[in-house]
Amino acid sequence: MEPQELKKLIDRYLKNNVTEEERKFVDEWYQSYHNANVLLSAEKEQQLKSEIYGFVKKQITPKSAKIKRLNIFRYAAAAAVIMLVGAGLLMRRAISTQQQQQAPVFATYSTKIGEVKKLELPDGTTVWLNAMSRIRIAEGFNKAITRSVYLDEGEAFFEVKHDATHPFLVHTSSVTTRVLGTSFNVKAYRQLSYVAVTLRTGHVEVRDKQGKTAVLTPNQRAIYSVTDHTYLLSAYNGEKSRGWIEGRSALSNASFRELAMTVNNIYGVKVSSKNKQTDTYKYNIIISRQHTVDETLRLICSIHKNSCRRQNNEVSIY
């Protein structure tokens, strides 16, 4: 086989466009390396070069004893190209193997409509998960340098076990909250255009993907705008932020969208309105699970003097 043909064969091998016979032929080159899980060391690289050079040398059969200088350079160039391609193939396999071995395994916890779930993490941290929420925790997270959890959807209250050498990180799609040992609430429902972090005790740092940060002290809340990438800090009762754990969801200056989402999460009832004025409404209200959905709807309508019509699990406010 001519060196140029061999180079084309390897190129097709990398694109997975070879027959089984051709694949077997190329595999013989790196048979002793296909289980490698680290990048090539200098010694291994030199060994690879020697093997490829020997292989190419065997494939070249001069037609006569007279070899033109041009052919020598042509074969040398082809050997160099093949060597680089072969080395790249091995490195790609090694990196792929490493990635497979290092892929984290997560335990996922979620809640349904009207459900609140309590989780005890291996490091002693307690997490309460609000309705219609989902959180992921990597196996062995407390053995890593940082204790990371991922709030993919919804709301959670954390009572973090203090560990000065292993910071606790709560990741959402927009911001990451970093603490050492404290209690705080994170609200990150996808239906909302913001993420809210409320601190009850201790200190936390909130950081977005652009590197913008906000540092909170007890009884402070940071509202991060997902669209504007800005923070709004305000005073807020940290104890009130965990009221939903005991069945009391406190809404402060909430939009109609947030109100409707909260009602649906608690009762499984969809609230809507064709009245455009509802887009301007703000609500300061505590919704208690001890009240029936009809009692809650009457309370909601009383705030802005509205009426409502309910049909099964759909409510229209007008």
C-alpha atoms as a PDB file:
ATOM      1  CA  MET A   1       0.000   0.000   0.000  1.00  0.00           C
ATOM      2  CA  GLU A   2       1.285   3.433  -0.981  1.00  0.00           C
ATOM      3  CA  PRO A   3       1.774   5.874   1.929  1.00  0.00           C
ATOM      4  CA  GLN A   4      -0.700   8.317   0.397  1.00  0.00           C
ATOM      5  CA  GLU A   5      -3.332   5.564   0.236  1.00  0.00           C
ATOM      6  CA  LEU A   6      -2.625   4.702   3.855  1.00  0.00           C
ATOM      7  CA  LYS A   7      -3.090   8.314   4.858  1.00  0.00           C
ATOM      8  CA  LYS A   8      -6.483   8.396   3.080  1.00  0.00           C
ATOM      9  CA  LEU A   9      -7.463   5.157   4.816  1.00  0.00           C
ATOM     10  CA  ILE A  10      -6.740   6.638   8.229  1.00  0.00           C
ATOM     11  CA  ASP A  11      -8.672   9.761   7.300  1.00  0.00           C
ATOM     12  CA  ARG A  12     -11.683   7.639   6.401  1.00  0.00           C
ATOM     13  CA  TYR A  13     -11.201   5.665   9.637  1.00  0.00           C
ATOM     14  CA  LEU A  14     -11.495   8.867  11.670  1.00  0.00           C
ATOM     15  CA  LYS A  15     -14.749   9.628   9.833  1.00  0.00           C
ATOM     16  CA  ASN A  16     -16.038   6.074  10.495  1.00  0.00           C
ATOM     17  CA  ASN A  17     -16.231   5.392   6.776  1.00  0.00           C
ATOM     18  CA  VAL A  18     -14.331   2.093   6.473  1.00  0.00           C
ATOM     19  CA  THR A  19     -15.146  -1.562   6.032  1.00  0.00           C
ATOM     20  CA  GLU A  20     -14.619  -4.041   8.861  1.00  0.00           C
ATOM     21  CA  GLU A  21     -11.521  -5.363   7.083  1.00  0.00           C
ATOM     22  CA  GLU A  22     -10.070  -1.855   6.776  1.00  0.00           C
ATOM     23  CA  ARG A  23     -10.945  -1.086  10.393  1.00  0.00           C
ATOM     24  CA  LYS A  24      -9.111  -4.225  11.532  1.00  0.00           C
ATOM     25  CA  PHE A  25      -6.105  -3.241   9.422  1.00  0.00           C
ATOM     26  CA  VAL A  26      -5.860   0.213  11.060  1.00  0.00           C
ATOM     27  CA  ASP A  27      -6.609  -1.161  14.534  1.00  0.00           C
ATOM     28  CA  GLU A  28      -3.436  -3.248  14.373  1.00  0.00           C
ATOM     29  CA  TRP A  29      -1.464  -0.021  14.633  1.00  0.00           C
ATOM     30  CA  TYR A  30      -2.630   0.883  18.054  1.00  0.00           C
ATOM     31  CA  GLN A  31      -3.848  -2.451  19.426  1.00  0.00           C
ATOM     32  CA  SER A  32      -1.757  -2.047  22.545  1.00  0.00           C
ATOM     33  CA  TYR A  33      -3.148   1.462  23.167  1.00  0.00           C
ATOM     34  CA  HIS A  34      -6.906   1.169  22.675  1.00  0.00           C
ATOM     35  CA  ASN A  35      -7.565   0.894  26.408  1.00  0.00           C
ATOM     36  CA  ALA A  36      -5.457   3.935  27.274  1.00  0.00           C
ATOM     37  CA  ASN A  37      -7.113   6.378  29.643  1.00  0.00           C
ATOM     38  CA  VAL A  38      -4.421   9.034  29.886  1.00  0.00           C
ATOM     39  CA  LEU A  39      -2.779  11.326  27.366  1.00  0.00           C
ATOM     40  CA  LEU A  40       0.417  10.137  25.729  1.00  0.00           C
ATOM     41  CA  SER A  41       3.606  10.624  27.675  1.00  0.00           C
ATOM     42  CA  ALA A  42       6.852  11.534  25.923  1.00  0.00           C
ATOM     43  CA  GLU A  43       7.987   7.904  26.153  1.00  0.00           C
ATOM     44  CA  LYS A  44       4.740   6.580  24.677  1.00  0.00           C
ATOM     45  CA  GLU A  45       4.820   9.187  21.926  1.00  0.00           C
ATOM     46  CA  GLN A  46       8.342   8.131  20.934  1.00  0.00           C
ATOM     47  CA  GLN A  47       7.255   4.486  20.945  1.00  0.00           C
ATOM     48  CA  LEU A  48       4.328   5.364  18.701  1.00  0.00           C
ATOM     49  CA  LYS A  49       6.615   7.163  16.277  1.00  0.00           C
ATOM     50  CA  SER A  50       8.910   4.124  16.069  1.00  0.00           C
ATOM     51  CA  GLU A  51       6.034   1.718  15.454  1.00  0.00           C
ATOM     52  CA  ILE A  52       4.478   3.892  12.760  1.00  0.00           C
ATOM     53  CA  TYR A  53       7.827   4.376  11.065  1.00  0.00           C
ATOM     54  CA  GLY A  54       8.391   0.606  11.071  1.00  0.00           C
ATOM     55  CA  PHE A  55       4.938  -0.015   9.668  1.00  0.00           C
ATOM     56  CA  VAL A  56       5.354   2.488   6.855  1.00  0.00           C
ATOM     57  CA  LYS A  57       8.802   1.086   6.047  1.00  0.00           C
ATOM     58  CA  LYS A  58       7.326  -2.402   5.598  1.00  0.00           C
ATOM     59  CA  GLN A  59       4.637  -1.101   3.269  1.00  0.00           C
ATOM     60  CA  ILE A  60       7.112   0.589   0.955  1.00  0.00           C
ATOM     61  CA  THR A  61       8.547  -1.823  -1.647  1.00  0.00           C
ATOM     62  CA  PRO A  62      10.912  -0.064  -4.026  1.00  0.00           C
ATOM     63  CA  LYS A  63      10.716  -1.249  -7.632  1.00  0.00           C
ATOM     64  CA  SER A  64      14.442  -1.045  -8.087  1.00  0.00           C
ATOM     65  CA  ALA A  65      17.621  -0.555  -6.155  1.00  0.00           C
ATOM     66  CA  LYS A  66      17.728   3.041  -7.376  1.00  0.00           C
ATOM     67  CA  ILE A  67      15.529   5.245  -5.218  1.00  0.00           C
ATOM     68  CA  LYS A  68      15.068   8.806  -6.282  1.00  0.00           C
ATOM     69  CA  ARG A  69      15.600  11.509  -3.700  1.00  0.00           C
ATOM     70  CA  LEU A  70      12.109  12.821  -4.464  1.00  0.00           C
ATOM     71  CA  ASN A  71      10.546   9.503  -3.370  1.00  0.00           C
ATOM     72  CA  ILE A  72      12.485   9.563  -0.089  1.00  0.00           C
ATOM     73  CA  PHE A  73      11.036  12.937   0.789  1.00  0.00           C
ATOM     74  CA  ARG A  74       7.582  11.852  -0.377  1.00  0.00           C
ATOM     75  CA  TYR A  75       7.617   8.790   1.864  1.00  0.00           C
ATOM     76  CA  ALA A  76       9.038  10.761   4.774  1.00  0.00           C
ATOM     77  CA  ALA A  77       6.307  13.362   4.437  1.00  0.00           C
ATOM     78  CA  ALA A  78       3.626  10.703   4.227  1.00  0.00           C
ATOM     79  CA  ALA A  79       5.047   8.970   7.305  1.00  0.00           C
ATOM     80  CA  ALA A  80       4.971  12.258   9.213  1.00  0.00           C
ATOM     81  CA  VAL A  81       1.344  12.878   8.269  1.00  0.00           C
ATOM     82  CA  ILE A  82       0.351   9.325   9.225  1.00  0.00           C
ATOM     83  CA  MET A  83       2.204   9.644  12.520  1.00  0.00           C
ATOM     84  CA  LEU A  84       0.319  12.839  13.397  1.00  0.00           C
ATOM     85  CA  VAL A  85      -3.019  11.352  12.385  1.00  0.00           C
ATOM     86  CA  GLY A  86      -2.333   8.201  14.397  1.00  0.00           C
ATOM     87  CA  ALA A  87      -1.269  10.176  17.445  1.00  0.00           C
ATOM     88  CA  GLY A  88      -4.349  12.379  17.158  1.00  0.00           C
ATOM     89  CA  LEU A  89      -6.543   9.308  16.969  1.00  0.00           C
ATOM     90  CA  LEU A  90      -5.015   7.866  20.118  1.00  0.00           C
ATOM     91  CA  MET A  91      -5.333  11.139  21.989  1.00  0.00           C
ATOM     92  CA  ARG A  92      -8.952  11.498  20.932  1.00  0.00           C
ATOM     93  CA  ARG A  93      -9.712   8.025  22.243  1.00  0.00           C
ATOM     94  CA  ALA A  94      -7.865   8.735  25.481  1.00  0.00           C
ATOM     95  CA  ILE A  95      -9.777  11.994  26.063  1.00  0.00           C
ATOM     96  CA  SER A  96     -13.098  10.311  25.275  1.00  0.00           C
ATOM     97  CA  THR A  97     -12.330   7.554  27.776  1.00  0.00           C
ATOM     98  CA  GLN A  98     -11.392  10.105  30.423  1.00  0.00           C
ATOM     99  CA  GLN A  99     -14.614  12.031  29.893  1.00  0.00           C
ATOM    100  CA  GLN A 100     -16.679   8.869  30.216  1.00  0.00           C
ATOM    101  CA  GLN A 101     -14.919   7.905  33.419  1.00  0.00           C
ATOM    102  CA  GLN A 102     -15.230  11.404  34.917  1.00  0.00           C
ATOM    103  CA  ALA A 103     -18.885  12.017  33.995  1.00  0.00           C
ATOM    104  CA  PRO A 104     -20.659  12.766  37.288  1.00  0.00           C
ATOM    105  CA  VAL A 105     -23.606  10.682  38.448  1.00  0.00           C
ATOM    106  CA  PHE A 106     -26.506  12.647  39.945  1.00  0.00           C
ATOM    107  CA  ALA A 107     -29.318  11.791  42.306  1.00  0.00           C
ATOM    108  CA  THR A 108     -32.402  13.755  41.222  1.00  0.00           C
ATOM    109  CA  TYR A 109     -35.264  14.753  43.535  1.00  0.00           C
ATOM    110  CA  SER A 110     -38.508  16.381  42.431  1.00  0.00           C
ATOM    111  CA  THR A 111     -41.896  17.380  43.805  1.00  0.00           C
ATOM    112  CA  LYS A 112     -45.427  17.398  42.446  1.00  0.00           C
ATOM    113  CA  ILE A 113     -48.306  19.858  42.772  1.00  0.00           C
ATOM    114  CA  GLY A 114     -48.972  20.640  46.434  1.00  0.00           C
ATOM    115  CA  GLU A 115     -45.956  18.628  47.629  1.00  0.00           C
ATOM    116  CA  VAL A 116     -43.101  19.754  49.885  1.00  0.00           C
ATOM    117  CA  LYS A 117     -40.166  17.402  50.358  1.00  0.00           C
ATOM    118  CA  LYS A 118     -37.405  17.395  52.989  1.00  0.00           C
ATOM    119  CA  LEU A 119     -33.936  16.109  52.087  1.00  0.00           C
ATOM    120  CA  GLU A 120     -31.044  15.297  54.409  1.00  0.00           C
ATOM    121  CA  LEU A 121     -27.719  15.531  52.565  1.00  0.00           C
ATOM    122  CA  PRO A 122     -24.671  13.427  53.528  1.00  0.00           C
ATOM    123  CA  ASP A 123     -22.798  16.467  54.887  1.00  0.00           C
ATOM    124  CA  GLY A 124     -25.581  17.247  57.373  1.00  0.00           C
ATOM    125  CA  THR A 125     -27.253  19.953  55.259  1.00  0.00           C
ATOM    126  CA  THR A 126     -31.066  20.029  55.213  1.00  0.00           C
ATOM    127  CA  VAL A 127     -32.977  20.990  52.058  1.00  0.00           C
ATOM    128  CA  TRP A 128     -36.704  21.609  51.701  1.00  0.00           C
ATOM    129  CA  LEU A 129     -38.025  21.410  48.159  1.00  0.00           C
ATOM    130  CA  ASN A 130     -41.165  23.378  47.282  1.00  0.00           C
ATOM    131  CA  ALA A 131     -43.926  22.205  44.941  1.00  0.00           C
ATOM    132  CA  MET A 132     -43.098  21.613  41.256  1.00  0.00           C
ATOM    133  CA  SER A 133     -39.343  21.763  41.862  1.00  0.00           C
ATOM    134  CA  ARG A 134     -36.347  19.648  40.872  1.00  0.00           C
ATOM    135  CA  ILE A 135     -32.837  19.429  42.333  1.00  0.00           C
ATOM    136  CA  ARG A 136     -29.764  17.360  41.410  1.00  0.00           C
ATOM    137  CA  ILE A 137     -27.007  16.281  43.796  1.00  0.00           C
ATOM    138  CA  ALA A 138     -23.816  14.619  42.596  1.00  0.00           C
ATOM    139  CA  GLU A 139     -22.796  11.367  44.259  1.00  0.00           C
ATOM    140  CA  GLY A 140     -20.025  12.005  46.769  1.00  0.00           C
ATOM    141  CA  PHE A 141     -20.571  15.786  46.539  1.00  0.00           C
ATOM    142  CA  ASN A 142     -19.426  16.259  50.147  1.00  0.00           C
ATOM    143  CA  LYS A 143     -16.057  14.691  49.303  1.00  0.00           C
ATOM    144  CA  ALA A 144     -15.304  17.251  46.587  1.00  0.00           C
ATOM    145  CA  ILE A 145     -13.585  20.607  47.078  1.00  0.00           C
ATOM    146  CA  THR A 146     -16.971  22.332  46.796  1.00  0.00           C
ATOM    147  CA  ARG A 147     -20.362  20.922  47.778  1.00  0.00           C
ATOM    148  CA  SER A 148     -22.444  21.644  44.677  1.00  0.00           C
ATOM    149  CA  VAL A 149     -26.172  21.107  44.122  1.00  0.00           C
ATOM    150  CA  TYR A 150     -28.218  22.076  41.056  1.00  0.00           C
ATOM    151  CA  LEU A 151     -31.664  23.617  41.424  1.00  0.00           C
ATOM    152  CA  ASP A 152     -32.906  23.001  37.893  1.00  0.00           C
ATOM    153  CA  GLU A 153     -36.424  24.219  38.588  1.00  0.00           C
ATOM    154  CA  GLY A 154     -38.448  25.716  41.399  1.00  0.00           C
ATOM    155  CA  GLU A 155     -37.759  26.765  44.969  1.00  0.00           C
ATOM    156  CA  ALA A 156     -35.702  25.361  47.830  1.00  0.00           C
ATOM    157  CA  PHE A 157     -34.748  26.393  51.352  1.00  0.00           C
ATOM    158  CA  PHE A 158     -31.301  25.374  52.595  1.00  0.00           C
ATOM    159  CA  GLU A 159     -29.916  24.967  56.095  1.00  0.00           C
ATOM    160  CA  VAL A 160     -26.263  24.397  55.264  1.00  0.00           C
ATOM    161  CA  LYS A 161     -23.936  22.557  57.614  1.00  0.00           C
ATOM    162  CA  HIS A 162     -20.941  24.787  58.289  1.00  0.00           C
ATOM    163  CA  ASP A 163     -17.669  23.663  56.683  1.00  0.00           C
ATOM    164  CA  ALA A 164     -15.103  26.419  56.139  1.00  0.00           C
ATOM    165  CA  THR A 165     -12.942  24.233  53.872  1.00  0.00           C
ATOM    166  CA  HIS A 166     -15.764  23.067  51.585  1.00  0.00           C
ATOM    167  CA  PRO A 167     -18.018  25.904  50.314  1.00  0.00           C
ATOM    168  CA  PHE A 168     -21.613  25.017  49.477  1.00  0.00           C
ATOM    169  CA  LEU A 169     -22.794  26.069  45.989  1.00  0.00           C
ATOM    170  CA  VAL A 170     -26.358  26.218  44.705  1.00  0.00           C
ATOM    171  CA  HIS A 171     -26.425  26.421  40.900  1.00  0.00           C
ATOM    172  CA  THR A 172     -29.434  27.651  38.928  1.00  0.00           C
ATOM    173  CA  SER A 173     -29.618  28.343  35.200  1.00  0.00           C
ATOM    174  CA  SER A 174     -28.781  32.017  35.844  1.00  0.00           C
ATOM    175  CA  VAL A 175     -26.854  32.451  39.104  1.00  0.00           C
ATOM    176  CA  THR A 176     -24.769  30.526  41.619  1.00  0.00           C
ATOM    177  CA  THR A 177     -25.114  31.116  45.372  1.00  0.00           C
ATOM    178  CA  ARG A 178     -21.996  30.419  47.466  1.00  0.00           C
ATOM    179  CA  VAL A 179     -22.023  29.876  51.240  1.00  0.00           C
ATOM    180  CA  LEU A 180     -19.995  28.226  54.010  1.00  0.00           C
ATOM    181  CA  GLY A 181     -22.730  27.583  56.549  1.00  0.00           C
ATOM    182  CA  THR A 182     -26.035  29.452  56.615  1.00  0.00           C
ATOM    183  CA  SER A 183     -29.780  29.267  55.912  1.00  0.00           C
ATOM    184  CA  PHE A 184     -31.339  30.840  52.834  1.00  0.00           C
ATOM    185  CA  ASN A 185     -34.016  30.446  50.187  1.00  0.00           C
ATOM    186  CA  VAL A 186     -33.598  30.245  46.404  1.00  0.00           C
ATOM    187  CA  LYS A 187     -36.552  30.757  44.070  1.00  0.00           C
ATOM    188  CA  ALA A 188     -35.844  29.949  40.416  1.00  0.00           C
ATOM    189  CA  TYR A 189     -38.990  28.889  38.588  1.00  0.00           C
ATOM    190  CA  ARG A 190     -38.599  29.017  34.820  1.00  0.00           C
ATOM    191  CA  GLN A 191     -41.966  30.737  34.434  1.00  0.00           C
ATOM    192  CA  LEU A 192     -40.551  33.778  36.220  1.00  0.00           C
ATOM    193  CA  SER A 193     -38.195  36.340  34.723  1.00  0.00           C
ATOM    194  CA  TYR A 194     -36.063  36.492  37.852  1.00  0.00           C
ATOM    195  CA  VAL A 195     -34.230  34.456  40.488  1.00  0.00           C
ATOM    196  CA  ALA A 196     -34.699  35.470  44.129  1.00  0.00           C
ATOM    197  CA  VAL A 197     -32.227  34.646  46.898  1.00  0.00           C
ATOM    198  CA  THR A 198     -33.300  35.491  50.448  1.00  0.00           C
ATOM    199  CA  LEU A 199     -30.921  35.186  53.403  1.00  0.00           C
ATOM    200  CA  ARG A 200     -32.141  34.125  56.828  1.00  0.00           C
ATOM    201  CA  THR A 201     -28.825  33.624  58.672  1.00  0.00           C
ATOM    202  CA  GLY A 202     -25.109  33.916  57.821  1.00  0.00           C
ATOM    203  CA  HIS A 203     -23.706  35.436  54.630  1.00  0.00           C
ATOM    204  CA  VAL A 204     -24.020  34.464  50.962  1.00  0.00           C
ATOM    205  CA  GLU A 205     -22.559  35.583  47.651  1.00  0.00           C
ATOM    206  CA  VAL A 206     -24.645  35.422  44.485  1.00  0.00           C
ATOM    207  CA  ARG A 207     -22.815  35.407  41.144  1.00  0.00           C
ATOM    208  CA  ASP A 208     -24.182  35.335  37.606  1.00  0.00           C
ATOM    209  CA  LYS A 209     -22.529  33.929  34.485  1.00  0.00           C
ATOM    210  CA  GLN A 210     -21.137  37.366  33.602  1.00  0.00           C
ATOM    211  CA  GLY A 211     -19.312  37.540  36.944  1.00  0.00           C
ATOM    212  CA  LYS A 212     -21.613  40.128  38.539  1.00  0.00           C
ATOM    213  CA  THR A 213     -22.013  39.532  42.262  1.00  0.00           C
ATOM    214  CA  ALA A 214     -24.268  40.495  45.147  1.00  0.00           C
ATOM    215  CA  VAL A 215     -23.373  39.890  48.804  1.00  0.00           C
ATOM    216  CA  LEU A 216     -26.249  39.434  51.260  1.00  0.00           C
ATOM    217  CA  THR A 217     -26.489  39.853  55.010  1.00  0.00           C
ATOM    218  CA  PRO A 218     -29.331  38.422  57.151  1.00  0.00           C
ATOM    219  CA  ASN A 219     -32.852  39.570  56.246  1.00  0.00           C
ATOM    220  CA  GLN A 220     -31.863  40.720  52.779  1.00  0.00           C
ATOM    221  CA  ARG A 221     -33.155  39.585  49.407  1.00  0.00           C
ATOM    222  CA  ALA A 222     -31.469  39.780  45.996  1.00  0.00           C
ATOM    223  CA  ILE A 223     -33.726  39.671  42.960  1.00  0.00           C
ATOM    224  CA  TYR A 224     -31.745  38.924  39.811  1.00  0.00           C
ATOM    225  CA  SER A 225     -33.288  39.875  36.467  1.00  0.00           C
ATOM    226  CA  VAL A 226     -32.714  37.078  33.971  1.00  0.00           C
ATOM    227  CA  THR A 227     -33.245  39.480  31.048  1.00  0.00           C
ATOM    228  CA  ASP A 228     -31.342  42.559  32.276  1.00  0.00           C
ATOM    229  CA  HIS A 229     -28.645  40.707  34.277  1.00  0.00           C
ATOM    230  CA  THR A 230     -29.038  43.131  37.172  1.00  0.00           C
ATOM    231  CA  TYR A 231     -29.599  42.765  40.933  1.00  0.00           C
ATOM    232  CA  LEU A 232     -32.148  44.501  43.109  1.00  0.00           C
ATOM    233  CA  LEU A 233     -31.327  44.271  46.817  1.00  0.00           C
ATOM    234  CA  SER A 234     -33.933  44.966  49.481  1.00  0.00           C
ATOM    235  CA  ALA A 235     -34.761  44.244  53.105  1.00  0.00           C
ATOM    236  CA  TYR A 236     -36.876  41.117  53.565  1.00  0.00           C
ATOM    237  CA  ASN A 237     -37.847  38.990  56.533  1.00  0.00           C
ATOM    238  CA  GLY A 238     -35.694  35.892  56.156  1.00  0.00           C
ATOM    239  CA  GLU A 239     -37.996  33.853  58.367  1.00  0.00           C
ATOM    240  CA  LYS A 240     -40.928  34.600  56.104  1.00  0.00           C
ATOM    241  CA  SER A 241     -39.011  33.178  53.124  1.00  0.00           C
ATOM    242  CA  ARG A 242     -39.319  29.661  54.602  1.00  0.00           C
ATOM    243  CA  GLY A 243     -43.026  29.959  55.424  1.00  0.00           C
ATOM    244  CA  TRP A 244     -43.995  27.751  52.480  1.00  0.00           C
ATOM    245  CA  ILE A 245     -42.373  24.797  54.275  1.00  0.00           C
ATOM    246  CA  GLU A 246     -45.198  25.024  56.818  1.00  0.00           C
ATOM    247  CA  GLY A 247     -47.874  25.704  54.210  1.00  0.00           C
ATOM    248  CA  ARG A 248     -47.798  29.526  54.047  1.00  0.00           C
ATOM    249  CA  SER A 249     -46.538  30.963  50.751  1.00  0.00           C
ATOM    250  CA  ALA A 250     -45.811  34.675  51.118  1.00  0.00           C
ATOM    251  CA  LEU A 251     -45.935  36.825  47.983  1.00  0.00           C
ATOM    252  CA  SER A 252     -44.477  40.324  48.147  1.00  0.00           C
ATOM    253  CA  ASN A 253     -45.121  42.776  45.311  1.00  0.00           C
ATOM    254  CA  ALA A 254     -45.774  39.752  43.097  1.00  0.00           C
ATOM    255  CA  SER A 255     -47.035  39.937  39.531  1.00  0.00           C
ATOM    256  CA  PHE A 256     -50.225  38.236  38.360  1.00  0.00           C
ATOM    257  CA  ARG A 257     -48.063  35.650  36.583  1.00  0.00           C
ATOM    258  CA  GLU A 258     -46.290  34.733  39.834  1.00  0.00           C
ATOM    259  CA  LEU A 259     -49.591  34.639  41.712  1.00  0.00           C
ATOM    260  CA  ALA A 260     -51.144  32.307  39.120  1.00  0.00           C
ATOM    261  CA  MET A 261     -48.090  30.049  39.208  1.00  0.00           C
ATOM    262  CA  THR A 262     -48.221  29.823  43.012  1.00  0.00           C
ATOM    263  CA  VAL A 263     -51.929  28.940  43.017  1.00  0.00           C
ATOM    264  CA  ASN A 264     -51.332  26.252  40.412  1.00  0.00           C
ATOM    265  CA  ASN A 265     -48.377  24.791  42.350  1.00  0.00           C
ATOM    266  CA  ILE A 266     -50.423  24.541  45.543  1.00  0.00           C
ATOM    267  CA  TYR A 267     -53.879  23.546  44.277  1.00  0.00           C
ATOM    268  CA  GLY A 268     -53.322  22.339  40.708  1.00  0.00           C
ATOM    269  CA  VAL A 269     -55.714  25.032  39.428  1.00  0.00           C
ATOM    270  CA  LYS A 270     -54.896  27.134  36.362  1.00  0.00           C
ATOM    271  CA  VAL A 271     -55.647  30.857  36.852  1.00  0.00           C
ATOM    272  CA  SER A 272     -55.868  33.187  33.857  1.00  0.00           C
ATOM    273  CA  SER A 273     -57.343  36.543  32.916  1.00  0.00           C
ATOM    274  CA  LYS A 274     -58.320  38.336  29.714  1.00  0.00           C
ATOM    275  CA  ASN A 275     -58.358  41.631  31.585  1.00  0.00           C
ATOM    276  CA  LYS A 276     -55.224  43.479  30.455  1.00  0.00           C
ATOM    277  CA  GLN A 277     -55.152  45.407  33.710  1.00  0.00           C
ATOM    278  CA  THR A 278     -54.027  42.271  35.524  1.00  0.00           C
ATOM    279  CA  ASP A 279     -50.613  42.721  33.880  1.00  0.00           C
ATOM    280  CA  THR A 280     -50.155  45.804  36.076  1.00  0.00           C
ATOM    281  CA  TYR A 281     -51.424  44.255  39.300  1.00  0.00           C
ATOM    282  CA  LYS A 282     -49.137  43.627  42.278  1.00  0.00           C
ATOM    283  CA  TYR A 283     -50.017  41.283  45.120  1.00  0.00           C
ATOM    284  CA  ASN A 284     -48.974  41.196  48.763  1.00  0.00           C
ATOM    285  CA  ILE A 285     -50.622  38.083  50.097  1.00  0.00           C
ATOM    286  CA  ILE A 286     -50.040  34.918  52.119  1.00  0.00           C
ATOM    287  CA  ILE A 287     -51.583  31.820  50.557  1.00  0.00           C
ATOM    288  CA  SER A 288     -52.211  29.100  53.132  1.00  0.00           C
ATOM    289  CA  ARG A 289     -52.642  25.440  52.286  1.00  0.00           C
ATOM    290  CA  GLN A 290     -55.133  25.244  55.126  1.00  0.00           C
ATOM    291  CA  HIS A 291     -57.579  27.281  53.029  1.00  0.00           C
ATOM    292  CA  THR A 292     -59.574  25.727  50.221  1.00  0.00           C
ATOM    293  CA  VAL A 293     -58.947  26.888  46.675  1.00  0.00           C
ATOM    294  CA  ASP A 294     -62.281  28.745  46.646  1.00  0.00           C
ATOM    295  CA  GLU A 295     -61.385  30.598  49.853  1.00  0.00           C
ATOM    296  CA  THR A 296     -58.037  31.575  48.348  1.00  0.00           C
ATOM    297  CA  LEU A 297     -59.655  32.769  45.110  1.00  0.00           C
ATOM    298  CA  ARG A 298     -62.077  34.999  47.026  1.00  0.00           C
ATOM    299  CA  LEU A 299     -59.135  36.507  48.912  1.00  0.00           C
ATOM    300  CA  ILE A 300     -57.236  37.134  45.656  1.00  0.00           C
ATOM    301  CA  CYS A 301     -60.226  38.807  43.983  1.00  0.00           C
ATOM    302  CA  SER A 302     -60.788  41.081  46.970  1.00  0.00           C
ATOM    303  CA  ILE A 303     -57.373  42.738  46.561  1.00  0.00           C
ATOM    304  CA  HIS A 304     -58.176  44.474  43.255  1.00  0.00           C
ATOM    305  CA  LYS A 305     -61.991  44.175  43.390  1.00  0.00           C
ATOM    306  CA  ASN A 306     -62.161  41.470  40.731  1.00  0.00           C
ATOM    307  CA  SER A 307     -64.563  38.597  40.172  1.00  0.00           C
ATOM    308  CA  CYS A 308     -63.753  35.073  39.088  1.00  0.00           C
ATOM    309  CA  ARG A 309     -65.389  32.158  37.341  1.00  0.00           C
ATOM    310  CA  ARG A 310     -64.279  28.586  38.006  1.00  0.00           C
ATOM    311  CA  GLN A 311     -64.874  25.548  35.838  1.00  0.00           C
ATOM    312  CA  ASN A 312     -63.230  22.389  37.156  1.00  0.00           C
ATOM    313  CA  ASN A 313     -59.525  23.205  37.464  1.00  0.00           C
ATOM    314  CA  GLU A 314     -59.567  26.401  35.380  1.00  0.00           C
ATOM    315  CA  VAL A 315     -60.280  29.826  36.816  1.00  0.00           C
ATOM    316  CA  SER A 316     -60.851  33.046  34.899  1.00  0.00           C
ATOM    317  CA  ILE A 317     -60.469  36.370  36.729  1.00  0.00           C
ATOM    318  CA  TYR A 318     -62.245  39.416  35.295  1.00  0.00           C
END
